[in-house]
Amino acid sequence: MNEFEQDVQSKRNDFTDTMVGMVVSFGFFATIFIVAVVIKQIIS
């Protein structure tokens, strides 16, 4: 048996970490998009 399987450092669910990462990255890019749209509306 693999020695790393016996002593797991983190027992958290990987799905929750994945979803948090996706939501944070989506929020970041959505914020950039919204700021760009607002700036374009102000300029034109």
PDB file of N, CA and C in Angstrom:
ATOM      1  N   MET A   1       0.838  -1.186   0.000  1.00  0.00           N
ATOM      2  CA  MET A   1       0.000   0.000   0.000  1.00  0.00           C
ATOM      3  C   MET A   1       0.883   1.250   0.000  1.00  0.00           C
ATOM      4  N   ASN A   2       0.395   2.280  -0.625  1.00  0.00           N
ATOM      5  CA  ASN A   2       1.123   3.542  -0.687  1.00  0.00           C
ATOM      6  C   ASN A   2       1.174   4.182   0.701  1.00  0.00           C
ATOM      7  N   GLU A   3       2.350   4.643   1.109  1.00  0.00           N
ATOM      8  CA  GLU A   3       2.490   5.209   2.455  1.00  0.00           C
ATOM      9  C   GLU A   3       1.728   6.519   2.603  1.00  0.00           C
ATOM     10  N   PHE A   4       1.485   7.242   1.510  1.00  0.00           N
ATOM     11  CA  PHE A   4       0.769   8.516   1.596  1.00  0.00           C
ATOM     12  C   PHE A   4      -0.727   8.313   1.824  1.00  0.00           C
ATOM     13  N   GLU A   5      -1.235   7.142   1.468  1.00  0.00           N
ATOM     14  CA  GLU A   5      -2.654   6.869   1.681  1.00  0.00           C
ATOM     15  C   GLU A   5      -2.956   6.626   3.152  1.00  0.00           C
ATOM     16  N   GLN A   6      -1.969   6.239   3.926  1.00  0.00           N
ATOM     17  CA  GLN A   6      -2.193   5.957   5.339  1.00  0.00           C
ATOM     18  C   GLN A   6      -2.232   7.237   6.165  1.00  0.00           C
ATOM     19  N   ASP A   7      -1.434   8.240   5.792  1.00  0.00           N
ATOM     20  CA  ASP A   7      -1.343   9.489   6.558  1.00  0.00           C
ATOM     21  C   ASP A   7      -1.780  10.648   5.661  1.00  0.00           C
ATOM     22  N   VAL A   8      -3.083  10.829   5.556  1.00  0.00           N
ATOM     23  CA  VAL A   8      -3.623  11.881   4.695  1.00  0.00           C
ATOM     24  C   VAL A   8      -3.542  13.211   5.435  1.00  0.00           C
ATOM     25  N   GLN A   9      -2.979  14.229   4.769  1.00  0.00           N
ATOM     26  CA  GLN A   9      -2.831  15.527   5.419  1.00  0.00           C
ATOM     27  C   GLN A   9      -4.154  16.282   5.479  1.00  0.00           C
ATOM     28  N   SER A  10      -4.931  16.231   4.395  1.00  0.00           N
ATOM     29  CA  SER A  10      -6.182  16.966   4.342  1.00  0.00           C
ATOM     30  C   SER A  10      -7.318  16.011   4.017  1.00  0.00           C
ATOM     31  N   LYS A  11      -8.329  16.002   4.871  1.00  0.00           N
ATOM     32  CA  LYS A  11      -9.472  15.133   4.649  1.00  0.00           C
ATOM     33  C   LYS A  11     -10.646  15.898   4.046  1.00  0.00           C
ATOM     34  N   ARG A  12     -10.412  17.135   3.603  1.00  0.00           N
ATOM     35  CA  ARG A  12     -11.484  17.923   2.997  1.00  0.00           C
ATOM     36  C   ARG A  12     -11.870  17.338   1.648  1.00  0.00           C
ATOM     37  N   ASN A  13     -13.107  17.631   1.255  1.00  0.00           N
ATOM     38  CA  ASN A  13     -13.606  17.141  -0.017  1.00  0.00           C
ATOM     39  C   ASN A  13     -13.017  17.988  -1.149  1.00  0.00           C
ATOM     40  N   ASP A  14     -12.503  17.333  -2.178  1.00  0.00           N
ATOM     41  CA  ASP A  14     -11.912  18.056  -3.294  1.00  0.00           C
ATOM     42  C   ASP A  14     -12.957  18.825  -4.092  1.00  0.00           C
ATOM     43  N   PHE A  15     -14.198  18.343  -4.094  1.00  0.00           N
ATOM     44  CA  PHE A  15     -15.246  19.009  -4.869  1.00  0.00           C
ATOM     45  C   PHE A  15     -15.492  20.423  -4.356  1.00  0.00           C
ATOM     46  N   THR A  16     -15.512  20.593  -3.030  1.00  0.00           N
ATOM     47  CA  THR A  16     -15.753  21.931  -2.482  1.00  0.00           C
ATOM     48  C   THR A  16     -14.614  22.874  -2.850  1.00  0.00           C
ATOM     49  N   ASP A  17     -13.382  22.399  -2.777  1.00  0.00           N
ATOM     50  CA  ASP A  17     -12.245  23.234  -3.155  1.00  0.00           C
ATOM     51  C   ASP A  17     -12.311  23.604  -4.634  1.00  0.00           C
ATOM     52  N   THR A  18     -12.717  22.659  -5.464  1.00  0.00           N
ATOM     53  CA  THR A  18     -12.833  22.921  -6.894  1.00  0.00           C
ATOM     54  C   THR A  18     -13.907  23.958  -7.166  1.00  0.00           C
ATOM     55  N   MET A  19     -15.048  23.823  -6.509  1.00  0.00           N
ATOM     56  CA  MET A  19     -16.137  24.777  -6.735  1.00  0.00           C
ATOM     57  C   MET A  19     -15.753  26.173  -6.249  1.00  0.00           C
ATOM     58  N   VAL A  20     -15.074  26.264  -5.127  1.00  0.00           N
ATOM     59  CA  VAL A  20     -14.632  27.572  -4.634  1.00  0.00           C
ATOM     60  C   VAL A  20     -13.681  28.207  -5.638  1.00  0.00           C
ATOM     61  N   GLY A  21     -12.761  27.432  -6.172  1.00  0.00           N
ATOM     62  CA  GLY A  21     -11.832  27.964  -7.157  1.00  0.00           C
ATOM     63  C   GLY A  21     -12.528  28.431  -8.418  1.00  0.00           C
ATOM     64  N   MET A  22     -13.515  27.664  -8.878  1.00  0.00           N
ATOM     65  CA  MET A  22     -14.239  28.056 -10.095  1.00  0.00           C
ATOM     66  C   MET A  22     -15.056  29.316  -9.863  1.00  0.00           C
ATOM     67  N   VAL A  23     -15.719  29.408  -8.709  1.00  0.00           N
ATOM     68  CA  VAL A  23     -16.543  30.584  -8.416  1.00  0.00           C
ATOM     69  C   VAL A  23     -15.669  31.828  -8.276  1.00  0.00           C
ATOM     70  N   VAL A  24     -14.540  31.688  -7.619  1.00  0.00           N
ATOM     71  CA  VAL A  24     -13.649  32.838  -7.439  1.00  0.00           C
ATOM     72  C   VAL A  24     -13.091  33.299  -8.782  1.00  0.00           C
ATOM     73  N   SER A  25     -12.664  32.367  -9.627  1.00  0.00           N
ATOM     74  CA  SER A  25     -12.122  32.773 -10.922  1.00  0.00           C
ATOM     75  C   SER A  25     -13.220  33.355 -11.809  1.00  0.00           C
ATOM     76  N   PHE A  26     -14.428  32.789 -11.768  1.00  0.00           N
ATOM     77  CA  PHE A  26     -15.528  33.348 -12.539  1.00  0.00           C
ATOM     78  C   PHE A  26     -15.850  34.754 -12.053  1.00  0.00           C
ATOM     79  N   GLY A  27     -15.880  34.954 -10.756  1.00  0.00           N
ATOM     80  CA  GLY A  27     -16.151  36.284 -10.197  1.00  0.00           C
ATOM     81  C   GLY A  27     -15.097  37.294 -10.607  1.00  0.00           C
ATOM     82  N   PHE A  28     -13.848  36.867 -10.645  1.00  0.00           N
ATOM     83  CA  PHE A  28     -12.766  37.765 -11.043  1.00  0.00           C
ATOM     84  C   PHE A  28     -12.938  38.217 -12.488  1.00  0.00           C
ATOM     85  N   PHE A  29     -13.167  37.258 -13.397  1.00  0.00           N
ATOM     86  CA  PHE A  29     -13.310  37.616 -14.802  1.00  0.00           C
ATOM     87  C   PHE A  29     -14.610  38.366 -15.059  1.00  0.00           C
ATOM     88  N   ALA A  30     -15.669  38.049 -14.336  1.00  0.00           N
ATOM     89  CA  ALA A  30     -16.925  38.786 -14.481  1.00  0.00           C
ATOM     90  C   ALA A  30     -16.740  40.228 -14.031  1.00  0.00           C
ATOM     91  N   THR A  31     -15.985  40.431 -12.957  1.00  0.00           N
ATOM     92  CA  THR A  31     -15.716  41.788 -12.489  1.00  0.00           C
ATOM     93  C   THR A  31     -14.924  42.579 -13.523  1.00  0.00           C
ATOM     94  N   ILE A  32     -13.914  41.963 -14.118  1.00  0.00           N
ATOM     95  CA  ILE A  32     -13.150  42.636 -15.169  1.00  0.00           C
ATOM     96  C   ILE A  32     -14.056  42.993 -16.342  1.00  0.00           C
ATOM     97  N   PHE A  33     -14.948  42.077 -16.733  1.00  0.00           N
ATOM     98  CA  PHE A  33     -15.865  42.334 -17.834  1.00  0.00           C
ATOM     99  C   PHE A  33     -16.804  43.490 -17.506  1.00  0.00           C
ATOM    100  N   ILE A  34     -17.354  43.509 -16.301  1.00  0.00           N
ATOM    101  CA  ILE A  34     -18.282  44.567 -15.905  1.00  0.00           C
ATOM    102  C   ILE A  34     -17.579  45.916 -15.880  1.00  0.00           C
ATOM    103  N   VAL A  35     -16.363  45.969 -15.355  1.00  0.00           N
ATOM    104  CA  VAL A  35     -15.603  47.218 -15.325  1.00  0.00           C
ATOM    105  C   VAL A  35     -15.329  47.703 -16.742  1.00  0.00           C
ATOM    106  N   ALA A  36     -14.990  46.784 -17.644  1.00  0.00           N
ATOM    107  CA  ALA A  36     -14.726  47.164 -19.033  1.00  0.00           C
ATOM    108  C   ALA A  36     -15.981  47.711 -19.696  1.00  0.00           C
ATOM    109  N   VAL A  37     -17.132  47.110 -19.439  1.00  0.00           N
ATOM    110  CA  VAL A  37     -18.389  47.591 -20.022  1.00  0.00           C
ATOM    111  C   VAL A  37     -18.728  48.970 -19.476  1.00  0.00           C
ATOM    112  N   VAL A  38     -18.538  49.161 -18.191  1.00  0.00           N
ATOM    113  CA  VAL A  38     -18.825  50.476 -17.577  1.00  0.00           C
ATOM    114  C   VAL A  38     -17.912  51.540 -18.167  1.00  0.00           C
ATOM    115  N   ILE A  39     -16.635  51.247 -18.314  1.00  0.00           N
ATOM    116  CA  ILE A  39     -15.698  52.218 -18.877  1.00  0.00           C
ATOM    117  C   ILE A  39     -16.068  52.524 -20.329  1.00  0.00           C
ATOM    118  N   LYS A  40     -16.464  51.521 -21.084  1.00  0.00           N
ATOM    119  CA  LYS A  40     -16.861  51.741 -22.474  1.00  0.00           C
ATOM    120  C   LYS A  40     -18.105  52.621 -22.539  1.00  0.00           C
ATOM    121  N   GLN A  41     -19.046  52.432 -21.638  1.00  0.00           N
ATOM    122  CA  GLN A  41     -20.254  53.261 -21.618  1.00  0.00           C
ATOM    123  C   GLN A  41     -19.919  54.706 -21.243  1.00  0.00           C
ATOM    124  N   ILE A  42     -18.986  54.899 -20.355  1.00  0.00           N
ATOM    125  CA  ILE A  42     -18.591  56.254 -19.952  1.00  0.00           C
ATOM    126  C   ILE A  42     -17.894  56.975 -21.094  1.00  0.00           C
ATOM    127  N   ILE A  43     -17.038  56.259 -21.816  1.00  0.00           N
ATOM    128  CA  ILE A  43     -16.280  56.880 -22.899  1.00  0.00           C
ATOM    129  C   ILE A  43     -17.198  57.238 -24.064  1.00  0.00           C
ATOM    130  N   SER A  44     -18.121  56.367 -24.423  1.00  0.00           N
ATOM    131  CA  SER A  44     -18.937  56.641 -25.609  1.00  0.00           C
ATOM    132  C   SER A  44     -20.253  57.323 -25.280  1.00  0.00           C
TER     133      SER A  44
END
